[in-house]
Amino acid sequence: MSDPFVVVGGDAAGLSAASKFARERPDGDVIVYEKGRWISYAHCGTPYYVKGEVEHVTDLLSLSPSEVEDRGIALRRNHEVVAVDTDDRTVTVAHDGDRSVQSYSDLLVATGARAVSDPIDGSSLDGVFTLHGIDAACAIRAVLGEPGTDPVDTSVEAVDRETVERYTAWEPPETVAVVGGGYVGIEMAEAFRAHGLETHVFQRSGHLIPPFGEAAGQRVAEHVREQGVTLHTDCAVEELAGDDRVEAVVHEDGRLAVDLVLVGIGIRPNTELLSGTPVELGESGAVTTDDHGRTTVEGVYAAGDCAETRHAVTGEPAWVPLGLTANRAGRAIGQTVAGTPSPVGDIAGTAVVKAFDMECGRVGLIDHEAAEAAGFDPVSETVTAGSRSGYYPGGDETTVTLTADRDSGRVLGGAISGRDRAAIRIDTLATAIERDTTVAQLERLDLAYAPPFSPVWDPVLVAAKVLNGRLE
């Protein structure tokens, strides 16, 4: 019998790969090692679980352990792969204080990423949270519930009962600070306001959701202020103060007394497992991979939040950790290992975020410095147009920023914001970027029109028309 396909990580990329391999090669063996208890969960749904829109933690789970086993996958939870020997093609696995060695035919590293909080002094105090994983979401939801209640279903086998019970015993908080005005920060501000907390958001730069550009950031700022959130932009947090439990946020403009803090300043790829191996890492610290997810070592693949992928605009490696990227790459690698080479696909950084009733989408290169560093001569236009025909009810102003290369006219990126189906319009720009579409070609796209859905000139077409006029 040949050695199994070994997967390290039991979430999006890892289980997508294992499932596809098992389907294509029912006679093959695949083992998935997951160091924690949770598998196959919707990380992007955790803010809405904290908010209460998603009622049960189990609603966030895609596959149960038994369903994984039914697919012919040997799942090993609470098993941490602590070392890789690429010469012998083995991994060392720790479980319940013991260690064992498992050989592999092919290896997929799908170890994901972890939230960053250590740059901020005091981030280890009680009452300071990050949101990266189900355990964190359960802990936050527990502290927001009434003492003596069971806001988290502790009968669920994987729940960290000790942590949940400890936080459930706390008095409900009244004031919370969110450090970081990116995706997680804005989504969690909405969640905290839904629980009636006085909510403050601290952002080091001048506008929120920086990857979406200034126009979208301004619209989000206006809207979240209307929802009662206090914004502190251009304001760096210097320290989280307290004895055992956080009591205040110390920032460059003063000090704010708080009951809780949510730190959402970014994530870092989990690549320590590969330390000491010949597997190369990119500038981002994530694993370097080719167009089939292969690393620089034969038989070793990487996918998901721990891996770089080729950018659709620049053609260079990029680290853009997002859900679809992980699932898509994992599935392709599973098929490749099974015997049918399949590319993982380029990435364009397509992303959407909801801020209360405001929607934002972004794709490609928007920032001029980043575009110039990639060798382009960027030019941008920002327009505001109606989301539906003016006479049809329910419409809203939709703001579109479109960036192109001055010399070639090629669409480099864009951002869209508004309250009426704005975010999903970003898919038009994502498709255009994947096809190296020029602004002139984008302007001539035959997009759908009917008064309940769009004006004759969709906001994307308006932006292309304005930008193309400038290029001409």
Protein backbone atom coordinates (compact mmCIF):
# COMPACT_ATOMS: atom_id res chain seq x y z
CA MET A 1 0.00 0.00 0.00
CA SER A 2 1.31 3.45 -0.90
CA ASP A 3 1.71 6.19 1.69
CA PRO A 4 -1.34 8.42 2.23
CA PHE A 5 -1.96 11.97 1.12
CA VAL A 6 -1.49 13.93 4.35
CA VAL A 7 -3.29 17.22 4.95
CA VAL A 8 -2.37 19.56 7.81
CA GLY A 9 -5.40 21.70 8.68
CA GLY A 10 -9.08 20.79 8.83
CA ASP A 11 -10.80 23.86 7.51
CA ALA A 12 -11.49 25.39 4.08
CA ALA A 13 -8.41 24.50 2.02
CA GLY A 14 -7.56 21.29 3.86
CA LEU A 15 -10.95 19.63 3.76
CA SER A 16 -11.66 20.84 0.22
CA ALA A 17 -8.47 19.10 -0.90
CA ALA A 18 -9.14 15.95 1.09
CA SER A 19 -12.73 15.72 -0.15
CA LYS A 20 -11.79 16.16 -3.79
CA PHE A 21 -8.96 13.62 -3.51
CA ALA A 22 -11.23 11.06 -1.85
CA ARG A 23 -13.87 11.57 -4.53
CA GLU A 24 -11.39 11.22 -7.39
CA ARG A 25 -9.37 8.42 -5.81
CA PRO A 26 -11.71 6.29 -3.70
CA ASP A 27 -8.98 3.66 -3.53
CA GLY A 28 -6.46 6.14 -2.10
CA ASP A 29 -5.83 7.07 1.53
CA VAL A 30 -6.02 10.60 2.88
CA ILE A 31 -5.42 11.72 6.47
CA VAL A 32 -6.36 15.17 7.80
CA TYR A 33 -4.65 16.37 10.99
CA GLU A 34 -6.32 19.24 12.84
CA LYS A 35 -4.70 20.50 16.02
CA GLY A 36 -7.95 21.89 17.42
CA ARG A 37 -11.49 20.63 17.89
CA TRP A 38 -13.31 22.70 15.26
CA ILE A 39 -13.31 21.77 11.59
CA SER A 40 -14.94 23.09 8.42
CA TYR A 41 -16.47 26.25 9.82
CA ALA A 42 -17.52 29.60 8.34
CA HIS A 43 -14.98 32.03 9.78
CA CYS A 44 -16.59 34.94 7.92
CA GLY A 45 -19.86 34.25 9.71
CA THR A 46 -18.48 34.69 13.23
CA PRO A 47 -19.30 38.44 13.55
CA TYR A 48 -22.93 37.63 12.77
CA TYR A 49 -22.93 34.86 15.36
CA VAL A 50 -21.63 37.35 17.94
CA LYS A 51 -24.30 39.81 16.83
CA GLY A 52 -27.02 37.20 17.21
CA GLU A 53 -28.20 37.08 13.60
CA VAL A 54 -26.78 33.54 13.46
CA GLU A 55 -28.42 31.88 16.43
CA HIS A 56 -26.47 28.67 16.98
CA VAL A 57 -22.74 28.06 16.75
CA THR A 58 -23.49 24.85 14.87
CA ASP A 59 -25.03 26.95 12.08
CA LEU A 60 -21.47 27.99 11.20
CA LEU A 61 -20.31 24.42 10.62
CA SER A 62 -20.21 23.05 7.09
CA LEU A 63 -19.22 19.44 7.79
CA SER A 64 -19.39 17.38 10.96
CA PRO A 65 -16.59 14.95 11.84
CA SER A 66 -18.85 12.01 10.96
CA GLU A 67 -19.65 13.53 7.56
CA VAL A 68 -15.93 13.91 6.90
CA GLU A 69 -15.33 10.28 7.81
CA ASP A 70 -18.23 9.24 5.55
CA ARG A 71 -16.32 10.77 2.64
CA GLY A 72 -13.51 8.30 3.15
CA ILE A 73 -11.24 10.76 4.96
CA ALA A 74 -9.32 9.75 8.08
CA LEU A 75 -9.84 12.78 10.32
CA ARG A 76 -7.59 13.28 13.33
CA ARG A 77 -8.73 16.16 15.54
CA ASN A 78 -6.61 17.35 18.47
CA HIS A 79 -3.57 16.11 16.56
CA GLU A 80 -0.91 18.75 15.97
CA VAL A 81 1.71 18.25 13.26
CA VAL A 82 4.84 19.66 14.91
CA ALA A 83 7.54 18.82 12.36
CA VAL A 84 8.00 18.01 8.68
CA ASP A 85 10.87 16.03 7.19
CA THR A 86 10.76 16.63 3.46
CA ASP A 87 13.70 14.28 2.81
CA ASP A 88 12.05 11.27 4.44
CA ARG A 89 8.54 12.48 3.53
CA THR A 90 7.27 12.21 7.08
CA VAL A 91 5.44 14.39 9.58
CA THR A 92 5.68 14.21 13.37
CA VAL A 93 2.33 14.35 15.14
CA ALA A 94 1.67 15.26 18.79
CA HIS A 95 -1.46 13.95 20.53
CA ASP A 96 -2.27 13.56 24.23
CA GLY A 97 1.38 13.95 25.21
CA ASP A 98 2.61 11.33 22.76
CA ARG A 99 4.40 11.74 19.45
CA SER A 100 4.22 9.58 16.34
CA VAL A 101 5.67 9.71 12.83
CA GLN A 102 3.48 9.46 9.73
CA SER A 103 4.88 9.02 6.22
CA TYR A 104 3.23 10.71 3.25
CA SER A 105 3.15 10.45 -0.52
CA ASP A 106 2.07 14.07 -0.89
CA LEU A 107 1.64 16.72 1.78
CA LEU A 108 -0.67 19.74 1.87
CA VAL A 109 0.07 22.48 4.40
CA ALA A 110 -3.22 24.27 5.05
CA THR A 111 -2.48 25.69 8.49
CA GLY A 112 -4.28 28.99 7.97
CA ALA A 113 -3.42 32.18 9.82
CA ARG A 114 -3.81 33.68 13.28
CA ALA A 115 -4.95 37.06 14.54
CA VAL A 116 -2.29 39.60 15.42
CA SER A 117 -2.50 41.50 18.72
CA ASP A 118 1.00 41.36 20.20
CA PRO A 119 2.14 44.76 18.85
CA ILE A 120 -0.23 46.36 21.37
CA ASP A 121 0.86 46.40 25.01
CA GLY A 122 -1.78 44.90 27.27
CA SER A 123 -3.33 42.68 24.60
CA SER A 124 -3.08 39.67 26.93
CA LEU A 125 -5.40 41.19 29.57
CA ASP A 126 -8.73 39.57 30.31
CA GLY A 127 -11.47 41.22 28.30
CA VAL A 128 -9.23 41.76 25.26
CA PHE A 129 -10.33 39.63 22.32
CA THR A 130 -9.43 38.92 18.75
CA LEU A 131 -11.89 37.27 16.38
CA HIS A 132 -10.23 34.42 14.52
CA GLY A 133 -11.94 31.12 15.10
CA ILE A 134 -15.02 29.68 16.73
CA ASP A 135 -13.59 29.67 20.26
CA ALA A 136 -13.07 33.44 20.11
CA ALA A 137 -16.59 34.00 18.81
CA CYS A 138 -18.07 31.85 21.59
CA ALA A 139 -16.09 33.72 24.25
CA ILE A 140 -17.28 37.13 23.00
CA ARG A 141 -20.89 36.01 22.71
CA ALA A 142 -20.68 34.59 26.24
CA VAL A 143 -19.51 37.88 27.75
CA LEU A 144 -22.30 39.77 25.97
CA GLY A 145 -25.03 37.57 27.44
CA GLU A 146 -26.86 38.03 30.70
CA PRO A 147 -25.13 36.41 33.72
CA GLY A 148 -26.54 32.99 34.47
CA THR A 149 -27.85 32.45 30.93
CA ASP A 150 -26.41 30.07 28.35
CA PRO A 151 -25.76 32.32 25.31
CA VAL A 152 -23.50 29.61 23.88
CA ASP A 153 -24.76 26.04 23.62
CA THR A 154 -22.21 24.33 25.85
CA SER A 155 -23.66 20.94 24.95
CA VAL A 156 -21.83 21.20 21.62
CA GLU A 157 -18.87 18.85 21.97
CA ALA A 158 -16.21 21.19 20.57
CA VAL A 159 -17.14 24.25 22.69
CA ASP A 160 -14.50 25.36 25.20
CA ARG A 161 -16.87 25.12 28.15
CA GLU A 162 -14.45 26.45 30.76
CA THR A 163 -13.84 29.69 28.88
CA VAL A 164 -17.50 30.18 27.99
CA GLU A 165 -18.67 29.63 31.57
CA ARG A 166 -16.03 32.04 32.90
CA TYR A 167 -17.11 34.83 30.56
CA THR A 168 -20.82 34.13 31.03
CA ALA A 169 -20.35 34.94 34.73
CA TRP A 170 -19.12 38.48 33.95
CA GLU A 171 -21.39 41.46 34.27
CA PRO A 172 -22.53 42.61 30.82
CA PRO A 173 -20.20 45.27 29.41
CA GLU A 174 -21.33 48.79 28.60
CA THR A 175 -18.40 50.25 26.63
CA VAL A 176 -16.24 48.52 24.05
CA ALA A 177 -13.29 49.69 21.98
CA VAL A 178 -12.52 48.19 18.59
CA VAL A 179 -8.89 48.61 17.58
CA GLY A 180 -8.69 48.54 13.80
CA GLY A 181 -11.18 49.81 11.24
CA GLY A 182 -10.82 47.05 8.66
CA TYR A 183 -13.16 44.17 7.81
CA VAL A 184 -13.34 42.62 11.27
CA GLY A 185 -13.40 45.93 13.11
CA ILE A 186 -16.36 47.31 11.18
CA GLU A 187 -18.33 44.06 11.28
CA MET A 188 -17.76 43.76 15.03
CA ALA A 189 -18.73 47.38 15.64
CA GLU A 190 -22.09 46.50 14.13
CA ALA A 191 -22.32 43.42 16.34
CA PHE A 192 -21.54 45.37 19.52
CA ARG A 193 -24.06 48.10 18.70
CA ALA A 194 -26.71 45.40 18.23
CA HIS A 195 -26.10 44.51 21.89
CA GLY A 196 -26.49 48.14 22.91
CA LEU A 197 -22.84 48.82 23.76
CA GLU A 198 -21.24 52.23 23.53
CA THR A 199 -18.82 51.48 20.72
CA HIS A 200 -15.57 53.23 19.79
CA VAL A 201 -13.46 52.36 16.74
CA PHE A 202 -9.80 53.35 16.62
CA GLN A 203 -8.10 53.51 13.22
CA ARG A 204 -4.44 54.44 12.84
CA SER A 205 -4.88 55.83 9.30
CA GLY A 206 -7.18 58.58 8.11
CA HIS A 207 -10.03 56.43 6.80
CA LEU A 208 -11.74 53.13 7.49
CA ILE A 209 -11.42 49.91 5.44
CA PRO A 210 -8.16 51.05 3.77
CA PRO A 211 -8.13 48.33 1.07
CA PHE A 212 -11.38 49.76 -0.32
CA GLY A 213 -10.00 53.24 -0.96
CA GLU A 214 -10.81 56.66 0.43
CA ALA A 215 -14.24 57.17 -1.16
CA ALA A 216 -15.64 53.92 0.25
CA GLY A 217 -13.97 54.61 3.61
CA GLN A 218 -15.64 58.01 3.84
CA ARG A 219 -19.08 56.62 3.05
CA VAL A 220 -18.67 53.91 5.68
CA ALA A 221 -17.48 56.46 8.25
CA GLU A 222 -20.52 58.67 7.70
CA HIS A 223 -22.86 55.72 7.97
CA VAL A 224 -21.40 54.10 11.09
CA ARG A 225 -21.45 57.47 12.87
CA GLU A 226 -25.17 57.64 12.07
CA GLN A 227 -25.49 54.25 13.80
CA GLY A 228 -23.98 55.63 17.02
CA VAL A 229 -20.39 54.47 16.63
CA THR A 230 -17.70 56.92 17.78
CA LEU A 231 -14.76 56.97 15.35
CA HIS A 232 -11.19 57.86 16.24
CA THR A 233 -9.32 58.09 12.93
CA ASP A 234 -5.68 59.13 12.59
CA CYS A 235 -5.42 57.84 16.14
CA ALA A 236 -2.95 55.17 17.20
CA VAL A 237 -3.63 53.03 20.27
CA GLU A 238 -0.56 53.05 22.52
CA GLU A 239 -1.59 50.68 25.29
CA LEU A 240 -4.43 48.65 26.77
CA ALA A 241 -4.36 49.38 30.48
CA GLY A 242 -5.53 47.39 33.48
CA ASP A 243 -4.35 45.02 36.18
CA ASP A 244 -5.76 41.61 35.32
CA ARG A 245 -8.70 42.84 33.26
CA VAL A 246 -8.67 45.61 30.66
CA GLU A 247 -9.88 48.93 32.04
CA ALA A 248 -8.88 51.54 29.48
CA VAL A 249 -7.54 52.26 26.02
CA VAL A 250 -4.59 54.63 26.09
CA HIS A 251 -4.25 56.45 22.78
CA GLU A 252 -2.32 59.38 21.45
CA ASP A 253 -5.20 61.78 22.19
CA GLY A 254 -6.01 60.58 25.69
CA ARG A 255 -7.51 57.70 27.63
CA LEU A 256 -10.88 55.95 27.27
CA ALA A 257 -12.39 53.79 30.01
CA VAL A 258 -13.73 50.53 28.55
CA ASP A 259 -15.11 47.17 29.63
CA LEU A 260 -14.01 45.19 26.58
CA VAL A 261 -11.59 45.54 23.67
CA LEU A 262 -11.68 43.82 20.28
CA VAL A 263 -8.35 43.92 18.42
CA GLY A 264 -8.71 43.59 14.66
CA ILE A 265 -5.42 44.80 13.22
CA GLY A 266 -4.64 41.89 10.92
CA ILE A 267 -3.55 38.30 10.68
CA ARG A 268 -0.28 36.42 10.19
CA PRO A 269 0.23 33.16 8.23
CA ASN A 270 0.91 30.03 10.26
CA THR A 271 4.13 28.80 8.66
CA GLU A 272 6.28 27.95 11.69
CA LEU A 273 5.70 24.26 10.96
CA LEU A 274 7.96 24.58 7.91
CA SER A 275 10.84 26.17 9.78
CA GLY A 276 14.02 24.25 9.05
CA THR A 277 12.67 22.74 5.83
CA PRO A 278 13.69 23.77 2.29
CA VAL A 279 10.15 25.04 1.63
CA GLU A 280 10.49 28.72 0.66
CA LEU A 281 8.41 31.55 2.06
CA GLY A 282 7.52 34.71 0.18
CA GLU A 283 7.97 38.33 1.23
CA SER A 284 4.65 38.19 3.06
CA GLY A 285 5.82 35.32 5.25
CA ALA A 286 3.34 32.97 3.56
CA VAL A 287 4.43 29.92 1.56
CA THR A 288 5.58 30.42 -2.02
CA THR A 289 3.50 28.33 -4.44
CA ASP A 290 3.18 27.89 -8.20
CA ASP A 291 0.03 27.85 -10.31
CA HIS A 292 -0.85 24.34 -9.07
CA GLY A 293 -0.24 25.09 -5.38
CA ARG A 294 3.12 23.31 -5.37
CA THR A 295 5.82 24.64 -3.07
CA THR A 296 9.54 24.68 -3.83
CA VAL A 297 9.82 21.09 -2.52
CA GLU A 298 8.53 18.15 -4.53
CA GLY A 299 5.41 16.56 -3.11
CA VAL A 300 4.63 19.47 -0.76
CA TYR A 301 1.69 21.79 -1.47
CA ALA A 302 0.28 24.79 0.38
CA ALA A 303 -3.09 26.53 0.18
CA GLY A 304 -5.36 28.90 2.02
CA ASP A 305 -4.38 31.65 4.44
CA CYS A 306 -0.82 30.34 4.79
CA ALA A 307 0.02 30.47 1.06
CA GLU A 308 0.78 33.06 -1.59
CA THR A 309 -0.90 32.93 -5.00
CA ARG A 310 -0.30 34.74 -8.28
CA HIS A 311 -2.08 38.09 -8.55
CA ALA A 312 -4.29 38.52 -11.61
CA VAL A 313 -3.22 42.13 -12.18
CA THR A 314 0.50 42.10 -11.44
CA GLY A 315 1.30 38.47 -12.25
CA GLU A 316 3.44 38.42 -9.10
CA PRO A 317 2.99 36.40 -5.89
CA ALA A 318 0.54 37.94 -3.45
CA TRP A 319 -0.90 37.05 -0.08
CA VAL A 320 -4.63 37.77 0.02
CA PRO A 321 -6.22 35.47 2.61
CA LEU A 322 -9.89 35.04 1.69
CA GLY A 323 -12.42 32.22 1.86
CA LEU A 324 -13.02 31.49 -1.82
CA THR A 325 -9.28 31.49 -2.50
CA ALA A 326 -8.76 28.79 0.14
CA ASN A 327 -11.64 26.56 -0.96
CA ARG A 328 -10.81 26.87 -4.65
CA ALA A 329 -7.09 26.18 -4.20
CA GLY A 330 -7.72 23.23 -1.90
CA ARG A 331 -10.10 21.62 -4.36
CA ALA A 332 -7.63 22.06 -7.23
CA ILE A 333 -4.77 20.58 -5.22
CA GLY A 334 -6.88 17.57 -4.24
CA GLN A 335 -7.56 16.94 -7.91
CA THR A 336 -3.90 17.41 -8.82
CA VAL A 337 -2.73 14.95 -6.18
CA ALA A 338 -5.39 12.51 -7.37
CA GLY A 339 -3.79 12.54 -10.81
CA THR A 340 -5.42 15.34 -12.80
CA PRO A 341 -3.28 18.50 -12.66
CA SER A 342 -5.53 21.51 -12.00
CA PRO A 343 -4.49 25.15 -11.58
CA VAL A 344 -5.52 26.90 -8.38
CA GLY A 345 -6.39 30.08 -10.28
CA ASP A 346 -5.15 33.63 -9.92
CA ILE A 347 -6.42 35.99 -7.24
CA ALA A 348 -7.59 39.57 -7.65
CA GLY A 349 -8.29 40.40 -4.01
CA THR A 350 -12.04 40.49 -4.61
CA ALA A 351 -13.73 41.21 -1.30
CA VAL A 352 -16.96 42.62 0.13
CA VAL A 353 -17.88 43.92 3.56
CA LYS A 354 -21.12 44.98 5.25
CA ALA A 355 -21.15 47.96 7.60
CA PHE A 356 -24.65 48.12 9.07
CA ASP A 357 -26.71 48.98 5.95
CA MET A 358 -23.73 50.06 3.86
CA GLU A 359 -22.15 47.59 1.43
CA CYS A 360 -18.68 47.82 -0.03
CA GLY A 361 -16.78 45.79 -2.60
CA ARG A 362 -13.22 46.01 -3.87
CA VAL A 363 -10.97 44.24 -6.38
CA GLY A 364 -7.51 44.54 -7.91
CA LEU A 365 -5.20 47.51 -7.45
CA ILE A 366 -6.82 50.73 -6.26
CA ASP A 367 -3.97 52.37 -4.37
CA HIS A 368 -1.74 54.34 -6.73
CA GLU A 369 1.46 53.61 -4.86
CA ALA A 370 0.83 49.88 -5.13
CA ALA A 371 0.00 50.21 -8.82
CA GLU A 372 3.11 52.24 -9.51
CA ALA A 373 5.24 49.71 -7.62
CA ALA A 374 3.85 47.07 -9.99
CA GLY A 375 4.97 49.07 -13.01
CA PHE A 376 1.71 50.76 -13.98
CA ASP A 377 0.83 54.43 -14.53
CA PRO A 378 -2.46 54.53 -12.63
CA VAL A 379 -5.31 56.95 -13.19
CA SER A 380 -8.57 56.89 -11.23
CA GLU A 381 -12.03 58.40 -11.30
CA THR A 382 -14.75 58.30 -8.66
CA VAL A 383 -18.40 58.73 -9.65
CA THR A 384 -21.73 58.55 -7.86
CA ALA A 385 -24.77 57.20 -9.70
CA GLY A 386 -28.16 55.75 -8.87
CA SER A 387 -28.52 52.05 -8.18
CA ARG A 388 -31.92 51.91 -9.92
CA SER A 389 -33.91 54.08 -12.28
CA GLY A 390 -34.58 57.37 -10.52
CA TYR A 391 -38.34 56.96 -10.58
CA TYR A 392 -38.27 53.45 -9.11
CA PRO A 393 -38.39 53.26 -5.29
CA GLY A 394 -35.67 51.68 -3.17
CA GLY A 395 -32.61 53.04 -4.94
CA ASP A 396 -29.53 54.59 -3.35
CA GLU A 397 -26.47 56.51 -4.43
CA THR A 398 -23.74 54.11 -5.49
CA THR A 399 -20.14 55.31 -5.42
CA VAL A 400 -17.68 53.69 -7.81
CA THR A 401 -13.93 54.24 -7.89
CA LEU A 402 -12.27 52.83 -11.00
CA THR A 403 -8.50 52.64 -11.56
CA ALA A 404 -6.80 51.91 -14.89
CA ASP A 405 -3.35 51.95 -16.46
CA ARG A 406 -2.90 55.16 -18.45
CA ASP A 407 -0.81 53.58 -21.22
CA SER A 408 -2.77 50.42 -21.96
CA GLY A 409 -6.20 51.46 -20.71
CA ARG A 410 -6.38 48.17 -18.79
CA VAL A 411 -8.67 48.04 -15.75
CA LEU A 412 -6.48 47.61 -12.66
CA GLY A 413 -9.01 47.73 -9.87
CA GLY A 414 -12.06 49.30 -8.38
CA ALA A 415 -14.24 49.82 -5.32
CA ILE A 416 -18.00 50.20 -4.96
CA SER A 417 -20.07 51.37 -1.98
CA GLY A 418 -23.76 51.98 -1.37
CA ARG A 419 -26.84 50.65 0.40
CA ASP A 420 -28.65 49.00 -2.50
CA ARG A 421 -26.93 45.89 -3.83
CA ALA A 422 -23.65 47.76 -4.22
CA ALA A 423 -21.28 45.03 -3.09
CA ILE A 424 -22.32 42.38 -5.61
CA ARG A 425 -21.60 44.78 -8.49
CA ILE A 426 -17.90 44.28 -7.77
CA ASP A 427 -18.15 40.92 -9.54
CA THR A 428 -18.43 42.76 -12.86
CA LEU A 429 -15.07 44.41 -12.23
CA ALA A 430 -13.54 41.16 -10.97
CA THR A 431 -14.50 39.45 -14.23
CA ALA A 432 -13.14 42.36 -16.24
CA ILE A 433 -9.80 42.17 -14.43
CA GLU A 434 -9.52 38.41 -14.93
CA ARG A 435 -9.92 39.00 -18.69
CA ASP A 436 -7.48 41.95 -18.90
CA THR A 437 -10.36 44.15 -20.01
CA THR A 438 -9.69 47.76 -20.98
CA VAL A 439 -11.80 50.65 -19.74
CA ALA A 440 -13.15 51.15 -23.27
CA GLN A 441 -14.22 47.52 -23.42
CA LEU A 442 -15.77 47.75 -19.96
CA GLU A 443 -17.80 50.78 -21.05
CA ARG A 444 -19.25 48.74 -23.93
CA LEU A 445 -20.35 45.75 -21.82
CA ASP A 446 -23.99 44.81 -22.33
CA LEU A 447 -25.09 44.86 -18.69
CA ALA A 448 -28.69 44.14 -17.76
CA TYR A 449 -31.19 46.96 -17.37
CA ALA A 450 -34.62 47.11 -15.81
CA PRO A 451 -35.84 49.87 -13.45
CA PRO A 452 -36.02 47.68 -10.30
CA PHE A 453 -32.41 46.54 -10.78
CA SER A 454 -30.38 49.22 -12.50
CA PRO A 455 -30.61 52.45 -14.44
CA VAL A 456 -29.92 52.27 -18.19
CA TRP A 457 -26.32 53.15 -17.41
CA ASP A 458 -25.25 50.93 -14.52
CA PRO A 459 -22.94 52.74 -12.05
CA VAL A 460 -20.05 50.56 -13.25
CA LEU A 461 -20.65 51.70 -16.83
CA VAL A 462 -20.88 55.33 -15.70
CA ALA A 463 -17.49 55.05 -14.03
CA ALA A 464 -15.98 53.42 -17.13
CA LYS A 465 -17.45 56.14 -19.36
CA VAL A 466 -16.01 58.93 -17.21
CA LEU A 467 -12.59 57.29 -16.85
CA ASN A 468 -12.39 56.42 -20.54
CA GLY A 469 -13.10 60.04 -21.41
CA ARG A 470 -10.14 61.04 -19.30
CA LEU A 471 -7.88 58.43 -20.88
CA GLU A 472 -8.86 59.52 -24.39
